[in-house]
Every structure is written in C-alpha cells, then in structure tokens.
Amino acid sequence: MITSELYSYSTRIDTIKVELPIVDNMGKVHGSLARAGKVKAQTPKVEKQEKKKNPRGRAKKRMLYNRRFVNVTTLPGGKRRMNPNPEK
C-alpha cells in the first residue's frame, strides 16, 4: 500500500510542467568578445634576448652561499651566520 502511494506521488511530480520566462536583463560585465586580445595584439613584439644560463645543483648552492654569507657587508649585529637565532 505504501509503495503504491509513493509511486502515484512520484508520477504526479513527473507530470508537472513549470514554465519560467527567460529574462535577459542581466548586466554585461566585461564587454564583448570582439575586443578580446586587444592589448596583446597592440603591444610591440620584442625578441627574446640571449642570456647566461643559470647554474644548477651544487654550483647554484655555492653561488647562494657566497652571495648570502661571504660577499655580504657587515650588518649591525655582526657577521651574518647560517643560523641567526640568538644563542641561549
């Protein structure tokens, strides 16, 4: 008995038609697609320049160490160290 009531209830829902008017009065936010790519198209093309290749691996770590701890000017508070936490 319960199943037949549920079945009839579900068939009623399936047959309901809902008609909603399509409203197209939403605001246009970012302009038309006719102007898409305008800025990129009008910027002058600049060829890529050749540059020195960056070191990798051990050589990069060496460069970072030298930049941070060897060739640095003395700051107030003394020499810059690997672990700058204050000693307790």
PDB file of N, CA and C in Angstrom:
ATOM      1  N   MET A   1       0.820  -1.192   0.000  1.00  0.00           N
ATOM      2  CA  MET A   1       0.000   0.000   0.000  1.00  0.00           C
ATOM      3  C   MET A   1       0.867   1.261   0.000  1.00  0.00           C
ATOM      4  N   ILE A   2       1.918   1.255   0.821  1.00  0.00           N
ATOM      5  CA  ILE A   2       2.794   2.424   0.883  1.00  0.00           C
ATOM      6  C   ILE A   2       3.510   2.607  -0.449  1.00  0.00           C
ATOM      7  N   THR A   3       3.962   1.526  -1.038  1.00  0.00           N
ATOM      8  CA  THR A   3       4.678   1.653  -2.303  1.00  0.00           C
ATOM      9  C   THR A   3       3.786   2.200  -3.395  1.00  0.00           C
ATOM     10  N   SER A   4       2.514   1.821  -3.418  1.00  0.00           N
ATOM     11  CA  SER A   4       1.629   2.342  -4.457  1.00  0.00           C
ATOM     12  C   SER A   4       1.391   3.839  -4.269  1.00  0.00           C
ATOM     13  N   GLU A   5       1.307   4.300  -3.008  1.00  0.00           N
ATOM     14  CA  GLU A   5       1.131   5.726  -2.767  1.00  0.00           C
ATOM     15  C   GLU A   5       2.372   6.512  -3.210  1.00  0.00           C
ATOM     16  N   LEU A   6       3.548   5.959  -2.890  1.00  0.00           N
ATOM     17  CA  LEU A   6       4.771   6.624  -3.315  1.00  0.00           C
ATOM     18  C   LEU A   6       4.873   6.665  -4.834  1.00  0.00           C
ATOM     19  N   TYR A   7       4.463   5.575  -5.469  1.00  0.00           N
ATOM     20  CA  TYR A   7       4.535   5.521  -6.922  1.00  0.00           C
ATOM     21  C   TYR A   7       3.609   6.555  -7.538  1.00  0.00           C
ATOM     22  N   SER A   8       2.395   6.625  -7.028  1.00  0.00           N
ATOM     23  CA  SER A   8       1.456   7.585  -7.595  1.00  0.00           C
ATOM     24  C   SER A   8       1.915   9.019  -7.305  1.00  0.00           C
ATOM     25  N   TYR A   9       2.510   9.232  -6.153  1.00  0.00           N
ATOM     26  CA  TYR A   9       3.020  10.552  -5.797  1.00  0.00           C
ATOM     27  C   TYR A   9       4.134  10.959  -6.749  1.00  0.00           C
ATOM     28  N   SER A  10       5.049  10.013  -7.047  1.00  0.00           N
ATOM     29  CA  SER A  10       6.156  10.336  -7.940  1.00  0.00           C
ATOM     30  C   SER A  10       5.674  10.567  -9.359  1.00  0.00           C
ATOM     31  N   THR A  11       4.632   9.883  -9.782  1.00  0.00           N
ATOM     32  CA  THR A  11       4.136  10.124 -11.138  1.00  0.00           C
ATOM     33  C   THR A  11       3.510  11.508 -11.245  1.00  0.00           C
ATOM     34  N   ARG A  12       2.906  11.989 -10.169  1.00  0.00           N
ATOM     35  CA  ARG A  12       2.346  13.334 -10.197  1.00  0.00           C
ATOM     36  C   ARG A  12       3.464  14.376 -10.361  1.00  0.00           C
ATOM     37  N   ILE A  13       4.577  14.169  -9.677  1.00  0.00           N
ATOM     38  CA  ILE A  13       5.693  15.109  -9.783  1.00  0.00           C
ATOM     39  C   ILE A  13       6.268  15.088 -11.191  1.00  0.00           C
ATOM     40  N   ASP A  14       6.325  13.914 -11.800  1.00  0.00           N
ATOM     41  CA  ASP A  14       6.889  13.815 -13.144  1.00  0.00           C
ATOM     42  C   ASP A  14       6.041  14.544 -14.180  1.00  0.00           C
ATOM     43  N   THR A  15       4.754  14.670 -13.944  1.00  0.00           N
ATOM     44  CA  THR A  15       3.893  15.271 -14.962  1.00  0.00           C
ATOM     45  C   THR A  15       3.703  16.773 -14.784  1.00  0.00           C
ATOM     46  N   ILE A  16       4.252  17.356 -13.712  1.00  0.00           N
ATOM     47  CA  ILE A  16       4.100  18.796 -13.504  1.00  0.00           C
ATOM     48  C   ILE A  16       5.006  19.540 -14.480  1.00  0.00           C
ATOM     49  N   LYS A  17       4.435  20.501 -15.188  1.00  0.00           N
ATOM     50  CA  LYS A  17       5.219  21.324 -16.103  1.00  0.00           C
ATOM     51  C   LYS A  17       5.391  22.700 -15.492  1.00  0.00           C
ATOM     52  N   VAL A  18       6.613  23.178 -15.500  1.00  0.00           N
ATOM     53  CA  VAL A  18       6.906  24.501 -14.968  1.00  0.00           C
ATOM     54  C   VAL A  18       7.457  25.337 -16.105  1.00  0.00           C
ATOM     55  N   GLU A  19       6.797  26.446 -16.379  1.00  0.00           N
ATOM     56  CA  GLU A  19       7.262  27.337 -17.440  1.00  0.00           C
ATOM     57  C   GLU A  19       7.718  28.645 -16.813  1.00  0.00           C
ATOM     58  N   LEU A  20       8.974  28.971 -17.018  1.00  0.00           N
ATOM     59  CA  LEU A  20       9.528  30.207 -16.491  1.00  0.00           C
ATOM     60  C   LEU A  20       9.944  31.091 -17.661  1.00  0.00           C
ATOM     61  N   PRO A  21       9.629  32.368 -17.597  1.00  0.00           N
ATOM     62  CA  PRO A  21      10.066  33.253 -18.683  1.00  0.00           C
ATOM     63  C   PRO A  21      11.577  33.455 -18.615  1.00  0.00           C
ATOM     64  N   ILE A  22      12.217  33.465 -19.771  1.00  0.00           N
ATOM     65  CA  ILE A  22      13.657  33.693 -19.833  1.00  0.00           C
ATOM     66  C   ILE A  22      13.887  35.201 -19.861  1.00  0.00           C
ATOM     67  N   VAL A  23      14.545  35.689 -18.829  1.00  0.00           N
ATOM     68  CA  VAL A  23      14.787  37.121 -18.713  1.00  0.00           C
ATOM     69  C   VAL A  23      16.261  37.370 -18.994  1.00  0.00           C
ATOM     70  N   ASP A  24      16.548  38.242 -19.950  1.00  0.00           N
ATOM     71  CA  ASP A  24      17.929  38.530 -20.306  1.00  0.00           C
ATOM     72  C   ASP A  24      18.254  39.990 -20.003  1.00  0.00           C
ATOM     73  N   ASN A  25      17.953  40.406 -18.771  1.00  0.00           N
ATOM     74  CA  ASN A  25      18.265  41.781 -18.421  1.00  0.00           C
ATOM     75  C   ASN A  25      19.421  41.849 -17.435  1.00  0.00           C
ATOM     76  N   MET A  26      20.248  40.803 -17.424  1.00  0.00           N
ATOM     77  CA  MET A  26      21.422  40.809 -16.558  1.00  0.00           C
ATOM     78  C   MET A  26      22.455  41.758 -17.168  1.00  0.00           C
ATOM     79  N   GLY A  27      23.226  42.424 -16.318  1.00  0.00           N
ATOM     80  CA  GLY A  27      24.194  43.394 -16.808  1.00  0.00           C
ATOM     81  C   GLY A  27      25.393  42.727 -17.464  1.00  0.00           C
ATOM     82  N   LYS A  28      25.896  43.329 -18.487  1.00  0.00           N
ATOM     83  CA  LYS A  28      27.103  42.829 -19.133  1.00  0.00           C
ATOM     84  C   LYS A  28      28.294  43.334 -18.329  1.00  0.00           C
ATOM     85  N   VAL A  29      29.192  42.435 -17.974  1.00  0.00           N
ATOM     86  CA  VAL A  29      30.229  42.802 -17.025  1.00  0.00           C
ATOM     87  C   VAL A  29      31.535  43.179 -17.707  1.00  0.00           C
ATOM     88  N   HIS A  30      32.021  42.348 -18.597  1.00  0.00           N
ATOM     89  CA  HIS A  30      33.382  42.560 -19.096  1.00  0.00           C
ATOM     90  C   HIS A  30      33.452  42.869 -20.579  1.00  0.00           C
ATOM     91  N   GLY A  31      32.423  43.354 -21.164  1.00  0.00           N
ATOM     92  CA  GLY A  31      32.493  43.749 -22.562  1.00  0.00           C
ATOM     93  C   GLY A  31      32.319  42.583 -23.515  1.00  0.00           C
ATOM     94  N   SER A  32      32.262  42.896 -24.790  1.00  0.00           N
ATOM     95  CA  SER A  32      32.020  41.861 -25.791  1.00  0.00           C
ATOM     96  C   SER A  32      33.305  41.123 -26.125  1.00  0.00           C
ATOM     97  N   LEU A  33      33.145  39.976 -26.756  1.00  0.00           N
ATOM     98  CA  LEU A  33      34.311  39.183 -27.140  1.00  0.00           C
ATOM     99  C   LEU A  33      34.988  39.730 -28.392  1.00  0.00           C
ATOM    100  N   ALA A  34      34.401  40.755 -29.000  1.00  0.00           N
ATOM    101  CA  ALA A  34      35.014  41.348 -30.188  1.00  0.00           C
ATOM    102  C   ALA A  34      36.329  42.031 -29.843  1.00  0.00           C
ATOM    103  N   ARG A  35      36.464  42.478 -28.582  1.00  0.00           N
ATOM    104  CA  ARG A  35      37.685  43.169 -28.176  1.00  0.00           C
ATOM    105  C   ARG A  35      38.663  42.255 -27.454  1.00  0.00           C
ATOM    106  N   ALA A  36      38.413  40.963 -27.470  1.00  0.00           N
ATOM    107  CA  ALA A  36      39.293  40.042 -26.749  1.00  0.00           C
ATOM    108  C   ALA A  36      40.674  40.025 -27.397  1.00  0.00           C
ATOM    109  N   GLY A  37      41.707  40.112 -26.609  1.00  0.00           N
ATOM    110  CA  GLY A  37      43.076  40.073 -27.112  1.00  0.00           C
ATOM    111  C   GLY A  37      43.578  41.398 -27.647  1.00  0.00           C
ATOM    112  N   LYS A  38      42.867  42.481 -27.369  1.00  0.00           N
ATOM    113  CA  LYS A  38      43.231  43.793 -27.915  1.00  0.00           C
ATOM    114  C   LYS A  38      44.592  44.259 -27.412  1.00  0.00           C
ATOM    115  N   VAL A  39      44.834  44.138 -26.126  1.00  0.00           N
ATOM    116  CA  VAL A  39      46.076  44.662 -25.547  1.00  0.00           C
ATOM    117  C   VAL A  39      47.272  43.867 -26.049  1.00  0.00           C
ATOM    118  N   LYS A  40      47.137  42.534 -26.078  1.00  0.00           N
ATOM    119  CA  LYS A  40      48.256  41.713 -26.550  1.00  0.00           C
ATOM    120  C   LYS A  40      48.555  41.997 -28.016  1.00  0.00           C
ATOM    121  N   ALA A  41      47.513  42.234 -28.804  1.00  0.00           N
ATOM    122  CA  ALA A  41      47.711  42.484 -30.232  1.00  0.00           C
ATOM    123  C   ALA A  41      48.396  43.819 -30.490  1.00  0.00           C
ATOM    124  N   GLN A  42      48.170  44.811 -29.645  1.00  0.00           N
ATOM    125  CA  GLN A  42      48.723  46.136 -29.937  1.00  0.00           C
ATOM    126  C   GLN A  42      50.066  46.398 -29.274  1.00  0.00           C
ATOM    127  N   THR A  43      50.552  45.474 -28.427  1.00  0.00           N
ATOM    128  CA  THR A  43      51.879  45.676 -27.842  1.00  0.00           C
ATOM    129  C   THR A  43      52.946  45.275 -28.850  1.00  0.00           C
ATOM    130  N   PRO A  44      54.019  46.038 -28.929  1.00  0.00           N
ATOM    131  CA  PRO A  44      55.056  45.713 -29.908  1.00  0.00           C
ATOM    132  C   PRO A  44      55.781  44.427 -29.546  1.00  0.00           C
ATOM    133  N   LYS A  45      56.116  43.650 -30.561  1.00  0.00           N
ATOM    134  CA  LYS A  45      56.811  42.383 -30.370  1.00  0.00           C
ATOM    135  C   LYS A  45      58.282  42.654 -30.099  1.00  0.00           C
ATOM    136  N   VAL A  46      58.790  42.088 -29.018  1.00  0.00           N
ATOM    137  CA  VAL A  46      60.198  42.234 -28.666  1.00  0.00           C
ATOM    138  C   VAL A  46      60.807  40.842 -28.648  1.00  0.00           C
ATOM    139  N   GLU A  47      61.867  40.668 -29.414  1.00  0.00           N
ATOM    140  CA  GLU A  47      62.516  39.359 -29.478  1.00  0.00           C
ATOM    141  C   GLU A  47      63.190  39.042 -28.155  1.00  0.00           C
ATOM    142  N   LYS A  48      63.218  37.759 -27.800  1.00  0.00           N
ATOM    143  CA  LYS A  48      63.884  37.344 -26.573  1.00  0.00           C
ATOM    144  C   LYS A  48      65.385  37.502 -26.729  1.00  0.00           C
ATOM    145  N   GLN A  49      66.019  37.982 -25.654  1.00  0.00           N
ATOM    146  CA  GLN A  49      67.460  38.160 -25.683  1.00  0.00           C
ATOM    147  C   GLN A  49      68.134  36.914 -25.140  1.00  0.00           C
ATOM    148  N   GLU A  50      69.331  36.663 -25.647  1.00  0.00           N
ATOM    149  CA  GLU A  50      70.101  35.543 -25.114  1.00  0.00           C
ATOM    150  C   GLU A  50      70.688  35.946 -23.780  1.00  0.00           C
ATOM    151  N   LYS A  51      70.615  35.045 -22.819  1.00  0.00           N
ATOM    152  CA  LYS A  51      71.187  35.348 -21.517  1.00  0.00           C
ATOM    153  C   LYS A  51      71.973  34.150 -21.011  1.00  0.00           C
ATOM    154  N   LYS A  52      72.809  34.427 -20.032  1.00  0.00           N
ATOM    155  CA  LYS A  52      73.674  33.410 -19.465  1.00  0.00           C
ATOM    156  C   LYS A  52      72.834  32.334 -18.793  1.00  0.00           C
ATOM    157  N   LYS A  53      73.248  31.081 -18.930  1.00  0.00           N
ATOM    158  CA  LYS A  53      72.470  30.019 -18.293  1.00  0.00           C
ATOM    159  C   LYS A  53      72.739  30.009 -16.800  1.00  0.00           C
ATOM    160  N   ASN A  54      71.691  29.757 -16.031  1.00  0.00           N
ATOM    161  CA  ASN A  54      71.817  29.742 -14.584  1.00  0.00           C
ATOM    162  C   ASN A  54      72.460  28.446 -14.124  1.00  0.00           C
ATOM    163  N   PRO A  55      73.310  28.515 -13.090  1.00  0.00           N
ATOM    164  CA  PRO A  55      73.906  27.283 -12.577  1.00  0.00           C
ATOM    165  C   PRO A  55      72.862  26.409 -11.906  1.00  0.00           C
ATOM    166  N   ARG A  56      73.138  25.097 -11.898  1.00  0.00           N
ATOM    167  CA  ARG A  56      72.218  24.137 -11.305  1.00  0.00           C
ATOM    168  C   ARG A  56      72.963  23.268 -10.313  1.00  0.00           C
ATOM    169  N   GLY A  57      72.206  22.700  -9.387  1.00  0.00           N
ATOM    170  CA  GLY A  57      72.783  21.732  -8.457  1.00  0.00           C
ATOM    171  C   GLY A  57      73.775  22.342  -7.494  1.00  0.00           C
ATOM    172  N   ARG A  58      74.956  21.696  -7.397  1.00  0.00           N
ATOM    173  CA  ARG A  58      75.997  22.124  -6.465  1.00  0.00           C
ATOM    174  C   ARG A  58      76.457  23.538  -6.760  1.00  0.00           C
ATOM    175  N   ALA A  59      76.568  23.888  -8.028  1.00  0.00           N
ATOM    176  CA  ALA A  59      77.050  25.220  -8.403  1.00  0.00           C
ATOM    177  C   ALA A  59      76.070  26.307  -7.960  1.00  0.00           C
ATOM    178  N   LYS A  60      74.774  26.018  -8.013  1.00  0.00           N
ATOM    179  CA  LYS A  60      73.789  27.002  -7.568  1.00  0.00           C
ATOM    180  C   LYS A  60      73.860  27.187  -6.058  1.00  0.00           C
ATOM    181  N   LYS A  61      74.006  26.076  -5.320  1.00  0.00           N
ATOM    182  CA  LYS A  61      74.134  26.176  -3.862  1.00  0.00           C
ATOM    183  C   LYS A  61      75.382  26.975  -3.487  1.00  0.00           C
ATOM    184  N   ARG A  62      76.465  26.776  -4.208  1.00  0.00           N
ATOM    185  CA  ARG A  62      77.699  27.514  -3.957  1.00  0.00           C
ATOM    186  C   ARG A  62      77.501  29.005  -4.190  1.00  0.00           C
ATOM    187  N   MET A  63      76.800  29.331  -5.285  1.00  0.00           N
ATOM    188  CA  MET A  63      76.540  30.725  -5.599  1.00  0.00           C
ATOM    189  C   MET A  63      75.683  31.375  -4.505  1.00  0.00           C
ATOM    190  N   LEU A  64      74.643  30.674  -4.042  1.00  0.00           N
ATOM    191  CA  LEU A  64      73.781  31.212  -2.993  1.00  0.00           C
ATOM    192  C   LEU A  64      74.552  31.425  -1.700  1.00  0.00           C
ATOM    193  N   TYR A  65      75.404  30.453  -1.333  1.00  0.00           N
ATOM    194  CA  TYR A  65      76.196  30.572  -0.111  1.00  0.00           C
ATOM    195  C   TYR A  65      77.108  31.786  -0.189  1.00  0.00           C
ATOM    196  N   ASN A  66      77.796  31.941  -1.326  1.00  0.00           N
ATOM    197  CA  ASN A  66      78.703  33.080  -1.488  1.00  0.00           C
ATOM    198  C   ASN A  66      77.946  34.406  -1.449  1.00  0.00           C
ATOM    199  N   ARG A  67      76.784  34.442  -2.067  1.00  0.00           N
ATOM    200  CA  ARG A  67      76.002  35.674  -2.090  1.00  0.00           C
ATOM    201  C   ARG A  67      75.503  36.041  -0.695  1.00  0.00           C
ATOM    202  N   ARG A  68      75.090  35.032   0.080  1.00  0.00           N
ATOM    203  CA  ARG A  68      74.466  35.313   1.373  1.00  0.00           C
ATOM    204  C   ARG A  68      75.457  35.494   2.512  1.00  0.00           C
ATOM    205  N   PHE A  69      76.557  34.740   2.513  1.00  0.00           N
ATOM    206  CA  PHE A  69      77.396  34.704   3.704  1.00  0.00           C
ATOM    207  C   PHE A  69      78.826  35.171   3.486  1.00  0.00           C
ATOM    208  N   VAL A  70      79.340  35.197   2.273  1.00  0.00           N
ATOM    209  CA  VAL A  70      80.738  35.546   2.048  1.00  0.00           C
ATOM    210  C   VAL A  70      80.873  36.993   1.591  1.00  0.00           C
ATOM    211  N   ASN A  71      80.170  37.375   0.550  1.00  0.00           N
ATOM    212  CA  ASN A  71      80.335  38.705  -0.032  1.00  0.00           C
ATOM    213  C   ASN A  71      79.358  39.724   0.541  1.00  0.00           C
ATOM    214  N   VAL A  72      78.935  39.561   1.780  1.00  0.00           N
ATOM    215  CA  VAL A  72      77.935  40.459   2.342  1.00  0.00           C
ATOM    216  C   VAL A  72      78.622  41.502   3.218  1.00  0.00           C
ATOM    217  N   THR A  73      78.086  42.709   3.200  1.00  0.00           N
ATOM    218  CA  THR A  73      78.649  43.751   4.060  1.00  0.00           C
ATOM    219  C   THR A  73      78.208  43.495   5.496  1.00  0.00           C
ATOM    220  N   THR A  74      79.010  43.936   6.435  1.00  0.00           N
ATOM    221  CA  THR A  74      78.716  43.683   7.841  1.00  0.00           C
ATOM    222  C   THR A  74      77.518  44.514   8.280  1.00  0.00           C
ATOM    223  N   LEU A  75      76.535  43.837   8.805  1.00  0.00           N
ATOM    224  CA  LEU A  75      75.320  44.489   9.277  1.00  0.00           C
ATOM    225  C   LEU A  75      75.440  44.781  10.760  1.00  0.00           C
ATOM    226  N   PRO A  76      74.631  45.671  11.285  1.00  0.00           N
ATOM    227  CA  PRO A  76      74.646  45.852  12.736  1.00  0.00           C
ATOM    228  C   PRO A  76      74.223  44.550  13.408  1.00  0.00           C
ATOM    229  N   GLY A  77      75.017  44.111  14.356  1.00  0.00           N
ATOM    230  CA  GLY A  77      74.742  42.823  14.984  1.00  0.00           C
ATOM    231  C   GLY A  77      75.774  41.794  14.594  1.00  0.00           C
ATOM    232  N   GLY A  78      76.752  42.188  13.816  1.00  0.00           N
ATOM    233  CA  GLY A  78      77.838  41.281  13.485  1.00  0.00           C
ATOM    234  C   GLY A  78      77.668  40.580  12.161  1.00  0.00           C
ATOM    235  N   LYS A  79      78.485  39.547  11.986  1.00  0.00           N
ATOM    236  CA  LYS A  79      78.535  38.792  10.748  1.00  0.00           C
ATOM    237  C   LYS A  79      77.259  37.974  10.579  1.00  0.00           C
ATOM    238  N   ARG A  80      76.828  37.827   9.366  1.00  0.00           N
ATOM    239  CA  ARG A  80      75.645  37.027   9.086  1.00  0.00           C
ATOM    240  C   ARG A  80      76.027  35.558   9.168  1.00  0.00           C
ATOM    241  N   ARG A  81      75.223  34.773   9.888  1.00  0.00           N
ATOM    242  CA  ARG A  81      75.547  33.362  10.091  1.00  0.00           C
ATOM    243  C   ARG A  81      74.470  32.462   9.511  1.00  0.00           C
ATOM    244  N   MET A  82      74.772  31.169   9.421  1.00  0.00           N
ATOM    245  CA  MET A  82      73.822  30.207   8.875  1.00  0.00           C
ATOM    246  C   MET A  82      72.568  30.127   9.742  1.00  0.00           C
ATOM    247  N   ASN A  83      72.731  30.124  11.071  1.00  0.00           N
ATOM    248  CA  ASN A  83      71.588  30.063  11.971  1.00  0.00           C
ATOM    249  C   ASN A  83      71.556  31.355  12.779  1.00  0.00           C
ATOM    250  N   PRO A  84      70.736  32.320  12.359  1.00  0.00           N
ATOM    251  CA  PRO A  84      70.785  33.625  13.012  1.00  0.00           C
ATOM    252  C   PRO A  84      70.038  33.693  14.338  1.00  0.00           C
ATOM    253  N   ASN A  85      69.515  32.567  14.842  1.00  0.00           N
ATOM    254  CA  ASN A  85      68.799  32.606  16.118  1.00  0.00           C
ATOM    255  C   ASN A  85      69.759  32.974  17.244  1.00  0.00           C
ATOM    256  N   PRO A  86      69.284  33.734  18.223  1.00  0.00           N
ATOM    257  CA  PRO A  86      70.174  34.119  19.325  1.00  0.00           C
ATOM    258  C   PRO A  86      70.561  32.906  20.171  1.00  0.00           C
ATOM    259  N   GLU A  87      71.811  32.904  20.603  1.00  0.00           N
ATOM    260  CA  GLU A  87      72.280  31.798  21.439  1.00  0.00           C
ATOM    261  C   GLU A  87      71.756  31.983  22.846  1.00  0.00           C
ATOM    262  N   LYS A  88      71.329  30.874  23.454  1.00  0.00           N
ATOM    263  CA  LYS A  88      70.767  30.948  24.811  1.00  0.00           C
ATOM    264  C   LYS A  88      71.710  30.359  25.810  1.00  0.00           C
TER     265      LYS A  88
END
